[in-house]
Each structure stands twice: as structure tokens, then as C-alpha cells.
N, C-alpha and C. Protein backbone atom coordinates (compact mmCIF):
# COMPACT_ATOMS: atom_id res chain seq x y z
N MET A 1 154.32 77.82 165.77
CA MET A 1 154.54 79.17 165.28
C MET A 1 154.01 79.29 163.85
N ALA A 2 153.32 80.35 163.55
CA ALA A 2 152.72 80.53 162.24
C ALA A 2 153.78 80.93 161.22
N TRP A 3 153.57 80.49 159.99
CA TRP A 3 154.49 80.84 158.91
C TRP A 3 154.27 82.29 158.51
N VAL A 4 155.38 83.01 158.32
CA VAL A 4 155.31 84.42 157.94
C VAL A 4 155.99 84.57 156.60
N PRO A 5 155.35 85.21 155.62
CA PRO A 5 155.99 85.40 154.32
C PRO A 5 157.33 86.13 154.49
N ALA A 6 158.28 85.81 153.61
CA ALA A 6 159.63 86.38 153.71
C ALA A 6 159.61 87.90 153.66
N GLU A 7 158.83 88.46 152.76
CA GLU A 7 158.77 89.92 152.63
C GLU A 7 158.30 90.56 153.93
N SER A 8 157.30 89.96 154.57
CA SER A 8 156.77 90.48 155.82
C SER A 8 157.80 90.36 156.94
N ALA A 9 158.57 89.26 156.95
CA ALA A 9 159.60 89.08 157.98
C ALA A 9 160.68 90.14 157.85
N VAL A 10 161.05 90.45 156.62
CA VAL A 10 162.06 91.50 156.40
C VAL A 10 161.52 92.84 156.86
N GLU A 11 160.26 93.11 156.55
CA GLU A 11 159.64 94.38 156.97
C GLU A 11 159.62 94.51 158.49
N GLU A 12 159.44 93.38 159.18
CA GLU A 12 159.39 93.41 160.64
C GLU A 12 160.76 93.75 161.22
N LEU A 13 161.81 93.18 160.63
CA LEU A 13 163.17 93.44 161.13
C LEU A 13 163.69 94.80 160.70
N MET A 14 163.40 95.17 159.45
CA MET A 14 163.87 96.44 158.92
C MET A 14 162.70 97.15 158.25
N PRO A 15 161.92 97.91 159.02
CA PRO A 15 160.76 98.57 158.43
C PRO A 15 161.19 99.59 157.38
N ARG A 16 160.36 99.76 156.36
CA ARG A 16 160.66 100.72 155.31
C ARG A 16 160.62 102.13 155.87
N LEU A 17 161.58 102.92 155.46
CA LEU A 17 161.62 104.30 155.91
C LEU A 17 160.88 105.22 154.96
N LEU A 18 160.86 104.85 153.68
CA LEU A 18 160.17 105.66 152.69
C LEU A 18 159.11 104.81 151.99
N PRO A 19 157.94 105.37 151.75
CA PRO A 19 156.94 104.61 151.02
C PRO A 19 157.35 104.51 149.55
N VAL A 20 157.57 103.29 149.08
CA VAL A 20 157.98 103.07 147.69
C VAL A 20 156.95 102.16 147.05
N GLU A 21 156.42 102.61 145.92
CA GLU A 21 155.44 101.81 145.20
C GLU A 21 156.12 100.56 144.65
N PRO A 22 155.50 99.39 144.79
CA PRO A 22 156.09 98.20 144.16
C PRO A 22 156.08 98.39 142.65
N CYS A 23 157.13 97.92 141.98
CA CYS A 23 157.21 98.13 140.55
C CYS A 23 157.85 96.92 139.89
N ASP A 24 157.64 96.81 138.57
CA ASP A 24 158.27 95.75 137.80
C ASP A 24 159.73 96.17 137.61
N LEU A 25 160.63 95.40 138.16
CA LEU A 25 162.03 95.79 138.18
C LEU A 25 162.73 95.59 136.84
N THR A 26 162.07 95.01 135.86
CA THR A 26 162.71 94.77 134.57
C THR A 26 162.18 95.70 133.49
N GLU A 27 161.07 96.32 133.74
CA GLU A 27 160.38 97.12 132.73
C GLU A 27 161.13 98.41 132.41
N GLY A 28 161.68 98.52 131.22
CA GLY A 28 162.29 99.75 130.72
C GLY A 28 163.39 100.32 131.59
N PHE A 29 164.20 99.49 132.18
CA PHE A 29 165.27 99.99 133.06
C PHE A 29 166.57 100.12 132.27
N ASP A 30 167.14 101.31 132.27
CA ASP A 30 168.44 101.54 131.63
C ASP A 30 169.38 102.14 132.67
N PRO A 31 170.35 101.34 133.17
CA PRO A 31 171.23 101.83 134.24
C PRO A 31 172.18 102.94 133.79
N SER A 32 172.31 103.15 132.47
CA SER A 32 173.23 104.19 132.00
C SER A 32 172.61 105.59 132.09
N ILE A 33 171.30 105.65 132.22
CA ILE A 33 170.61 106.95 132.31
C ILE A 33 170.45 107.31 133.78
N PRO A 34 170.92 108.51 134.19
CA PRO A 34 170.74 108.90 135.59
C PRO A 34 169.26 109.10 135.92
N PRO A 35 168.86 108.81 137.15
CA PRO A 35 167.46 109.01 137.52
C PRO A 35 167.08 110.48 137.45
N ARG A 36 165.84 110.75 137.00
CA ARG A 36 165.38 112.13 136.86
C ARG A 36 164.43 112.55 137.97
N THR A 37 163.87 111.58 138.66
CA THR A 37 162.91 111.89 139.72
C THR A 37 163.27 111.08 140.96
N PRO A 38 162.75 111.49 142.10
CA PRO A 38 163.00 110.70 143.32
C PRO A 38 162.47 109.27 143.18
N GLN A 39 161.34 109.09 142.48
CA GLN A 39 160.78 107.75 142.31
C GLN A 39 161.72 106.88 141.49
N GLU A 40 162.31 107.46 140.42
CA GLU A 40 163.26 106.69 139.61
C GLU A 40 164.50 106.32 140.43
N TYR A 41 164.93 107.24 141.28
CA TYR A 41 166.09 106.94 142.12
C TYR A 41 165.78 105.78 143.07
N LEU A 42 164.63 105.84 143.73
CA LEU A 42 164.25 104.77 144.66
C LEU A 42 164.05 103.45 143.91
N ARG A 43 163.53 103.51 142.69
CA ARG A 43 163.39 102.30 141.88
C ARG A 43 164.77 101.71 141.59
N ARG A 44 165.73 102.55 141.27
CA ARG A 44 167.10 102.09 141.01
C ARG A 44 167.68 101.42 142.25
N VAL A 45 167.44 102.00 143.41
CA VAL A 45 167.92 101.40 144.66
C VAL A 45 167.28 100.03 144.85
N GLN A 46 165.98 99.92 144.56
CA GLN A 46 165.28 98.63 144.66
C GLN A 46 165.93 97.59 143.74
N ILE A 47 166.21 97.99 142.51
CA ILE A 47 166.80 97.06 141.54
C ILE A 47 168.18 96.61 142.00
N GLU A 48 168.99 97.56 142.46
CA GLU A 48 170.33 97.20 142.95
C GLU A 48 170.24 96.28 144.16
N ALA A 49 169.30 96.54 145.06
CA ALA A 49 169.15 95.69 146.25
C ALA A 49 168.69 94.29 145.86
N ALA A 50 167.83 94.19 144.85
CA ALA A 50 167.34 92.88 144.42
C ALA A 50 168.46 92.04 143.81
N GLN A 51 169.48 92.70 143.26
CA GLN A 51 170.60 91.98 142.65
C GLN A 51 171.63 91.52 143.67
N CYS A 52 171.55 91.99 144.89
CA CYS A 52 172.50 91.59 145.93
C CYS A 52 172.05 90.27 146.55
N PRO A 53 173.01 89.41 146.90
CA PRO A 53 172.62 88.18 147.59
C PRO A 53 172.12 88.49 149.00
N ASP A 54 171.25 87.61 149.51
CA ASP A 54 170.71 87.81 150.85
C ASP A 54 171.78 87.66 151.92
N VAL A 55 172.72 86.72 151.70
CA VAL A 55 173.78 86.46 152.67
C VAL A 55 175.11 86.46 151.93
N VAL A 56 176.10 87.12 152.51
CA VAL A 56 177.44 87.16 151.93
C VAL A 56 178.39 86.54 152.93
N VAL A 57 179.23 85.62 152.44
CA VAL A 57 180.20 84.96 153.30
C VAL A 57 181.59 85.23 152.74
N ALA A 58 182.49 85.68 153.59
CA ALA A 58 183.86 85.94 153.16
C ALA A 58 184.65 84.64 153.13
N GLN A 59 185.44 84.46 152.08
CA GLN A 59 186.32 83.30 151.98
C GLN A 59 187.65 83.68 152.61
N ILE A 60 187.97 83.08 153.74
CA ILE A 60 189.19 83.41 154.48
C ILE A 60 190.21 82.31 154.25
N ASP A 61 191.41 82.72 153.85
CA ASP A 61 192.52 81.78 153.67
C ASP A 61 193.24 81.67 155.01
N PRO A 62 193.14 80.51 155.70
CA PRO A 62 193.76 80.38 157.02
C PRO A 62 195.28 80.53 156.99
N LYS A 63 195.92 80.20 155.85
CA LYS A 63 197.38 80.33 155.74
C LYS A 63 197.79 81.80 155.84
N LYS A 64 197.06 82.67 155.14
CA LYS A 64 197.38 84.10 155.20
C LYS A 64 197.11 84.66 156.59
N LEU A 65 196.09 84.15 157.23
CA LEU A 65 195.74 84.62 158.57
C LEU A 65 196.82 84.28 159.58
N LYS A 66 197.39 83.08 159.47
CA LYS A 66 198.44 82.66 160.40
C LYS A 66 199.71 83.47 160.23
N ARG A 67 200.03 83.85 159.00
CA ARG A 67 201.26 84.62 158.75
C ARG A 67 201.18 86.02 159.34
N LYS A 68 200.02 86.59 159.44
CA LYS A 68 199.88 87.98 159.88
C LYS A 68 199.41 88.07 161.33
N GLN A 69 199.88 87.19 162.18
CA GLN A 69 199.45 87.17 163.56
C GLN A 69 200.25 88.11 164.46
N SER A 70 201.47 88.44 164.10
CA SER A 70 202.28 89.28 164.99
C SER A 70 201.99 90.75 164.72
N VAL A 71 201.59 91.43 165.76
CA VAL A 71 201.27 92.85 165.66
C VAL A 71 202.01 93.57 166.78
N ASN A 72 202.71 94.64 166.42
CA ASN A 72 203.42 95.43 167.42
C ASN A 72 202.56 96.62 167.81
N ILE A 73 202.26 96.72 169.08
CA ILE A 73 201.45 97.82 169.59
C ILE A 73 202.26 98.54 170.65
N SER A 74 202.39 99.86 170.46
CA SER A 74 203.08 100.66 171.46
C SER A 74 202.07 101.09 172.51
N LEU A 75 202.31 100.74 173.74
CA LEU A 75 201.37 101.08 174.81
C LEU A 75 201.58 102.50 175.33
N SER A 76 202.75 103.06 175.12
CA SER A 76 203.02 104.39 175.68
C SER A 76 202.28 105.49 174.92
N GLY A 77 202.12 105.34 173.62
CA GLY A 77 201.44 106.37 172.84
C GLY A 77 202.36 107.49 172.41
N CYS A 78 203.45 107.75 173.14
CA CYS A 78 204.40 108.80 172.78
C CYS A 78 205.76 108.17 172.49
N GLN A 79 206.45 108.75 171.56
CA GLN A 79 207.81 108.30 171.28
C GLN A 79 208.73 108.82 172.37
N PRO A 80 209.69 108.03 172.79
CA PRO A 80 210.61 108.51 173.83
C PRO A 80 211.44 109.68 173.29
N ALA A 81 211.73 110.62 174.18
CA ALA A 81 212.51 111.80 173.80
C ALA A 81 213.94 111.38 173.49
N PRO A 82 214.56 112.00 172.48
CA PRO A 82 215.98 111.72 172.21
C PRO A 82 216.83 112.14 173.41
N GLU A 83 218.01 111.62 173.48
CA GLU A 83 218.95 111.90 174.57
C GLU A 83 219.12 113.41 174.74
N GLY A 84 218.89 113.90 175.95
CA GLY A 84 219.07 115.32 176.27
C GLY A 84 217.85 116.19 176.00
N TYR A 85 216.81 115.65 175.39
CA TYR A 85 215.61 116.43 175.07
C TYR A 85 214.56 116.36 176.17
N SER A 86 214.60 115.36 177.00
CA SER A 86 213.58 115.13 178.01
C SER A 86 213.69 116.17 179.13
N PRO A 87 212.55 116.79 179.51
CA PRO A 87 212.59 117.78 180.60
C PRO A 87 212.75 117.07 181.95
N THR A 88 213.21 117.83 182.92
CA THR A 88 213.38 117.26 184.26
C THR A 88 212.01 117.11 184.92
N LEU A 89 211.94 116.26 185.92
CA LEU A 89 210.70 116.07 186.66
C LEU A 89 210.28 117.37 187.34
N GLN A 90 211.26 118.12 187.86
CA GLN A 90 210.97 119.39 188.53
C GLN A 90 210.32 120.37 187.55
N TRP A 91 210.84 120.44 186.33
CA TRP A 91 210.28 121.34 185.31
C TRP A 91 208.84 120.92 185.00
N GLN A 92 208.60 119.62 184.83
CA GLN A 92 207.26 119.12 184.51
C GLN A 92 206.28 119.45 185.64
N GLN A 93 206.71 119.26 186.89
CA GLN A 93 205.84 119.57 188.03
C GLN A 93 205.54 121.06 188.10
N GLN A 94 206.53 121.89 187.77
CA GLN A 94 206.34 123.34 187.78
C GLN A 94 205.30 123.73 186.71
N GLN A 95 205.37 123.12 185.51
CA GLN A 95 204.42 123.44 184.44
C GLN A 95 203.00 123.03 184.83
N VAL A 96 202.88 121.87 185.46
CA VAL A 96 201.56 121.40 185.90
C VAL A 96 200.99 122.35 186.96
N ALA A 97 201.83 122.80 187.88
CA ALA A 97 201.37 123.72 188.93
C ALA A 97 200.92 125.05 188.33
N GLN A 98 201.69 125.58 187.36
CA GLN A 98 201.32 126.84 186.72
C GLN A 98 200.01 126.70 185.94
N PHE A 99 199.87 125.59 185.21
CA PHE A 99 198.65 125.36 184.45
C PHE A 99 197.45 125.23 185.38
N SER A 100 197.64 124.55 186.50
CA SER A 100 196.57 124.40 187.48
C SER A 100 196.16 125.77 188.03
N ALA A 101 197.14 126.63 188.29
CA ALA A 101 196.85 127.98 188.79
C ALA A 101 196.05 128.78 187.76
N VAL A 102 196.42 128.65 186.48
CA VAL A 102 195.69 129.36 185.42
C VAL A 102 194.24 128.88 185.38
N ARG A 103 194.04 127.57 185.46
CA ARG A 103 192.67 127.02 185.44
C ARG A 103 191.86 127.50 186.64
N GLN A 104 192.47 127.55 187.82
CA GLN A 104 191.76 128.04 189.00
C GLN A 104 191.39 129.51 188.83
N ASN A 105 192.29 130.28 188.25
CA ASN A 105 192.04 131.70 187.99
C ASN A 105 190.86 131.86 187.02
N VAL A 106 190.85 131.05 185.97
CA VAL A 106 189.74 131.09 185.02
C VAL A 106 188.43 130.74 185.72
N ASN A 107 188.44 129.72 186.57
CA ASN A 107 187.23 129.34 187.29
C ASN A 107 186.74 130.44 188.22
N ARG A 108 187.68 131.16 188.86
CA ARG A 108 187.28 132.29 189.71
C ARG A 108 186.60 133.36 188.87
N HIS A 109 187.17 133.64 187.70
CA HIS A 109 186.59 134.65 186.81
C HIS A 109 185.26 134.19 186.22
N ARG A 110 185.12 132.89 186.02
CA ARG A 110 183.90 132.37 185.42
C ARG A 110 182.68 132.76 186.25
N SER A 111 182.77 132.65 187.57
CA SER A 111 181.63 133.04 188.41
C SER A 111 181.39 134.55 188.32
N HIS A 112 182.47 135.33 188.18
CA HIS A 112 182.33 136.78 188.01
C HIS A 112 181.66 137.08 186.67
N TRP A 113 182.07 136.36 185.62
CA TRP A 113 181.48 136.60 184.30
C TRP A 113 179.99 136.30 184.31
N LYS A 114 179.58 135.25 185.01
CA LYS A 114 178.16 134.90 185.06
C LYS A 114 177.34 135.97 185.78
N SER A 115 177.95 136.67 186.73
CA SER A 115 177.22 137.69 187.47
C SER A 115 177.21 139.03 186.75
N GLN A 116 178.00 139.18 185.68
CA GLN A 116 178.07 140.44 184.95
C GLN A 116 176.74 140.74 184.28
N GLN A 117 176.44 141.99 184.16
CA GLN A 117 175.20 142.41 183.51
C GLN A 117 175.37 142.33 182.00
N LEU A 118 174.67 141.41 181.38
CA LEU A 118 174.72 141.24 179.93
C LEU A 118 174.01 142.37 179.22
N ASP A 119 173.06 142.98 179.89
CA ASP A 119 172.19 143.94 179.23
C ASP A 119 172.82 145.29 178.94
N SER A 120 173.96 145.62 179.52
CA SER A 120 174.47 146.97 179.33
C SER A 120 175.87 147.00 178.73
N ASN A 121 176.33 145.91 178.16
CA ASN A 121 177.70 145.86 177.68
C ASN A 121 177.71 145.66 176.16
N VAL A 122 177.93 146.76 175.42
CA VAL A 122 177.96 146.71 173.95
C VAL A 122 179.13 145.87 173.47
N THR A 123 180.27 146.00 174.13
CA THR A 123 181.46 145.24 173.74
C THR A 123 181.20 143.75 173.86
N MET A 124 180.52 143.34 174.92
CA MET A 124 180.23 141.92 175.10
C MET A 124 179.30 141.42 174.00
N GLY A 125 178.35 142.25 173.59
CA GLY A 125 177.45 141.87 172.50
C GLY A 125 178.21 141.64 171.21
N ARG A 126 179.15 142.53 170.91
CA ARG A 126 179.98 142.36 169.71
C ARG A 126 180.83 141.10 169.81
N TRP A 127 181.35 140.87 171.00
CA TRP A 127 182.19 139.70 171.24
C TRP A 127 181.37 138.42 171.04
N LEU A 128 180.13 138.39 171.57
CA LEU A 128 179.27 137.23 171.40
C LEU A 128 178.91 137.00 169.93
N TYR A 129 178.67 138.08 169.21
CA TYR A 129 178.38 137.98 167.77
C TYR A 129 179.57 137.37 167.04
N ALA A 130 180.78 137.84 167.39
CA ALA A 130 181.99 137.30 166.76
C ALA A 130 182.18 135.83 167.10
N LEU A 131 181.89 135.45 168.34
CA LEU A 131 182.01 134.04 168.72
C LEU A 131 181.02 133.18 167.94
N LEU A 132 179.80 133.66 167.77
CA LEU A 132 178.81 132.92 166.99
C LEU A 132 179.28 132.76 165.55
N ALA A 133 179.93 133.80 165.02
CA ALA A 133 180.44 133.74 163.65
C ALA A 133 181.54 132.70 163.50
N CYS A 134 182.25 132.41 164.57
CA CYS A 134 183.35 131.44 164.53
C CYS A 134 182.89 130.00 164.71
N LEU A 135 181.68 129.80 165.18
CA LEU A 135 181.20 128.43 165.41
C LEU A 135 180.99 127.72 164.08
N GLU A 136 181.46 126.48 164.01
CA GLU A 136 181.28 125.69 162.80
C GLU A 136 180.11 124.73 162.99
N LYS A 137 179.31 124.61 161.95
CA LYS A 137 178.20 123.67 161.96
C LYS A 137 178.67 122.37 161.36
N PRO A 138 178.20 121.24 161.82
CA PRO A 138 177.26 121.04 162.90
C PRO A 138 177.92 121.26 164.26
N LEU A 139 177.16 121.77 165.19
CA LEU A 139 177.68 122.09 166.51
C LEU A 139 177.80 120.84 167.37
N LEU A 140 178.75 120.90 168.27
CA LEU A 140 178.86 119.86 169.28
C LEU A 140 177.72 120.05 170.29
N PRO A 141 177.30 119.01 170.97
CA PRO A 141 176.19 119.15 171.92
C PRO A 141 176.43 120.23 172.98
N GLU A 142 177.66 120.34 173.46
CA GLU A 142 177.96 121.36 174.47
C GLU A 142 177.76 122.76 173.90
N ALA A 143 178.17 122.97 172.64
CA ALA A 143 177.99 124.28 172.01
C ALA A 143 176.50 124.58 171.84
N HIS A 144 175.72 123.58 171.46
CA HIS A 144 174.26 123.78 171.36
C HIS A 144 173.71 124.24 172.70
N SER A 145 174.11 123.58 173.76
CA SER A 145 173.62 123.93 175.09
C SER A 145 173.99 125.36 175.45
N LEU A 146 175.22 125.74 175.16
CA LEU A 146 175.69 127.08 175.53
C LEU A 146 174.98 128.18 174.74
N ILE A 147 174.80 127.98 173.44
CA ILE A 147 174.13 129.05 172.68
C ILE A 147 172.65 129.12 173.04
N ARG A 148 172.07 128.00 173.43
CA ARG A 148 170.68 128.03 173.90
C ARG A 148 170.58 128.82 175.21
N GLN A 149 171.55 128.63 176.10
CA GLN A 149 171.58 129.42 177.34
C GLN A 149 171.70 130.90 177.01
N LEU A 150 172.54 131.22 176.02
CA LEU A 150 172.72 132.61 175.61
C LEU A 150 171.39 133.20 175.13
N ALA A 151 170.69 132.48 174.26
CA ALA A 151 169.42 132.99 173.74
C ALA A 151 168.40 133.17 174.86
N ARG A 152 168.34 132.22 175.78
CA ARG A 152 167.40 132.34 176.91
C ARG A 152 167.74 133.56 177.76
N ARG A 153 169.02 133.76 178.03
CA ARG A 153 169.44 134.91 178.85
C ARG A 153 169.10 136.22 178.13
N CYS A 154 169.31 136.26 176.82
CA CYS A 154 168.95 137.46 176.06
C CYS A 154 167.46 137.73 176.16
N SER A 155 166.65 136.69 176.10
CA SER A 155 165.19 136.90 176.20
C SER A 155 164.80 137.38 177.59
N GLU A 156 165.50 136.90 178.63
CA GLU A 156 165.23 137.37 180.00
C GLU A 156 165.60 138.84 180.14
N VAL A 157 166.74 139.23 179.60
CA VAL A 157 167.18 140.64 179.68
C VAL A 157 166.20 141.52 178.91
N ARG A 158 165.74 141.05 177.75
CA ARG A 158 164.82 141.82 176.93
C ARG A 158 163.52 142.10 177.68
N LEU A 159 163.08 141.16 178.52
CA LEU A 159 161.87 141.37 179.31
C LEU A 159 162.02 142.53 180.29
N LEU A 160 163.24 142.78 180.73
CA LEU A 160 163.49 143.84 181.72
C LEU A 160 163.63 145.22 181.10
N VAL A 161 163.76 145.29 179.77
CA VAL A 161 163.91 146.58 179.09
C VAL A 161 162.57 147.29 179.10
N ASN A 162 162.59 148.59 179.44
CA ASN A 162 161.36 149.35 179.62
C ASN A 162 160.73 149.85 178.33
N SER A 163 161.54 150.07 177.28
CA SER A 163 161.01 150.69 176.07
C SER A 163 161.41 149.87 174.84
N ARG A 164 160.48 149.80 173.87
CA ARG A 164 160.79 149.13 172.60
C ARG A 164 161.89 149.84 171.85
N ASP A 165 162.03 151.14 172.10
CA ASP A 165 163.01 151.95 171.39
C ASP A 165 164.40 151.88 172.01
N ASP A 166 164.55 151.14 173.08
CA ASP A 166 165.85 150.99 173.74
C ASP A 166 166.84 150.38 172.75
N GLU A 167 168.06 150.91 172.72
CA GLU A 167 169.06 150.45 171.75
C GLU A 167 169.50 149.00 171.99
N ARG A 168 169.22 148.46 173.16
CA ARG A 168 169.61 147.08 173.45
C ARG A 168 168.69 146.06 172.79
N VAL A 169 167.46 146.46 172.50
CA VAL A 169 166.47 145.51 171.96
C VAL A 169 166.93 144.90 170.63
N PRO A 170 167.39 145.70 169.64
CA PRO A 170 167.84 145.07 168.39
C PRO A 170 169.02 144.12 168.59
N ALA A 171 169.94 144.47 169.49
CA ALA A 171 171.10 143.60 169.73
C ALA A 171 170.67 142.28 170.35
N LEU A 172 169.76 142.35 171.32
CA LEU A 172 169.26 141.13 171.95
C LEU A 172 168.47 140.30 170.94
N ASN A 173 167.65 140.98 170.13
CA ASN A 173 166.89 140.28 169.09
C ASN A 173 167.82 139.58 168.10
N LEU A 174 168.92 140.24 167.76
CA LEU A 174 169.88 139.67 166.81
C LEU A 174 170.47 138.36 167.34
N LEU A 175 170.90 138.37 168.59
CA LEU A 175 171.49 137.16 169.16
C LEU A 175 170.47 136.03 169.25
N ILE A 176 169.24 136.36 169.66
CA ILE A 176 168.18 135.34 169.73
C ILE A 176 167.89 134.79 168.33
N CYS A 177 167.82 135.69 167.36
CA CYS A 177 167.54 135.30 165.97
C CYS A 177 168.62 134.36 165.44
N LEU A 178 169.88 134.70 165.65
CA LEU A 178 170.97 133.87 165.12
C LEU A 178 170.97 132.48 165.75
N VAL A 179 170.77 132.44 167.06
CA VAL A 179 170.74 131.14 167.73
C VAL A 179 169.56 130.31 167.23
N SER A 180 168.39 130.93 167.14
CA SER A 180 167.19 130.16 166.80
C SER A 180 167.09 129.85 165.31
N ARG A 181 167.42 130.79 164.46
CA ARG A 181 167.22 130.59 163.02
C ARG A 181 168.46 130.04 162.32
N TYR A 182 169.62 130.62 162.58
CA TYR A 182 170.83 130.15 161.89
C TYR A 182 171.30 128.81 162.44
N PHE A 183 171.27 128.67 163.76
CA PHE A 183 171.75 127.43 164.38
C PHE A 183 170.61 126.43 164.63
N ASP A 184 169.47 126.67 164.00
CA ASP A 184 168.35 125.72 163.99
C ASP A 184 167.83 125.34 165.36
N GLN A 185 167.70 126.31 166.22
CA GLN A 185 167.08 126.10 167.53
C GLN A 185 165.71 126.77 167.48
N ARG A 186 164.88 126.29 166.57
CA ARG A 186 163.62 126.94 166.21
C ARG A 186 162.66 127.12 167.38
N ASP A 187 162.75 126.26 168.38
CA ASP A 187 161.84 126.41 169.52
C ASP A 187 162.13 127.68 170.30
N LEU A 188 163.28 128.30 170.09
CA LEU A 188 163.63 129.55 170.78
C LEU A 188 163.31 130.79 169.93
N ALA A 189 162.84 130.58 168.71
CA ALA A 189 162.61 131.70 167.79
C ALA A 189 161.45 132.56 168.24
N ASP A 190 161.58 133.86 167.99
CA ASP A 190 160.49 134.80 168.24
C ASP A 190 159.45 134.65 167.13
N GLU A 191 158.19 134.82 167.50
CA GLU A 191 157.13 134.85 166.50
C GLU A 191 157.25 136.17 165.75
N PRO A 192 157.22 136.16 164.41
CA PRO A 192 157.34 137.42 163.66
C PRO A 192 156.17 138.34 163.98
N SER A 193 156.48 139.64 164.05
CA SER A 193 155.40 140.60 164.36
C SER A 193 154.82 141.17 163.09
């Protein structure tokens, strides 16, 4: 096997992410002065990294380790209810059945909601705008997927509108704009006219 210089071996395992000019790490360095440029900041990082040892080993005291071996872990996750506070099994089963019925009802409505005409409901547009206003960034992947579906659906509805002067066009444009520009889904953005 051929000998590889240490610097090259490090580069192979951890390639540089930013191009940094090699520099003299001792020349005019004052750690009390904050960096003024990105280059000075990167130089400071280089200097700090050069001062760190290549390998760090923790000194473990086996006596302390032996003393702290007993750990109590609760497997239940919940504290037991005080005497008289615990609900009956019948009550718990009734709550589960009611919750299941609510979820089934929501699922039945979900298919109805998907079939609703998005293009003619002003109230739904306001509701969608309000929902977008409530979303916190960064979005969860599921939220990204849902707002992307919304923008695509708005663009499909916009294609079906007969006139540029139709009052639905600005509302559809607004939702597409917010999804693409505010929530950084730039591939869905309209080209400016």
C-alpha cells in the first residue's frame, strides 16, 4: 500500500466543505479581536482546530463507575392513579369506542372534502389562508407535502378559469405564491409576468 500524506488522508475521510486558503496560523493573530470578515472567521476556526489534539481519551475512574450501576427505570411510563381516581374498564372502553366513531366520521368527511369544488368557495380560501398563517417554520415533511398539494390543486383550478378578470384568479395566485415563495417551494412558483 502506498504511503499517503496525513493531510491528504484527512481530506479523504472528511473533505473540506469550504475552500479556505492555507495561511500562517501565527502571523498577527489576536484572539481578543472578533473576526471582521468571513476569511478571518475561517482562519480563527483553523487556528482553534490546530490547537486541538488529534485524539482525545477520557480518563474513567472504575470506582465511580461501579458505585453508579443501579438505575431504576419505570417500564409503565405512567404513574399509577391514586386510590379511587382510576376509571373503570367499562368507561375506558366506552371512550375508545366514541373516539373511534369520531375518527371514522372524520374519514367519511375527508373523502367528501376532497370532492368539494375548491374553485368556488371564498370561505374555504380564507380558511386556507388562515391555516397557512398558523404554520410554523420549519415545516414538518407532511406539512410540506400537504401545502404542495394545495398549490398544485390551485394551479389546476386556475387552468379551468375562463377569464383573467375572474375574481378567483387573485385568490388562487395568492395561495400558490405563499406556498412557493414564503414556504420556499420555489419549483412551484409562477414566472413573473
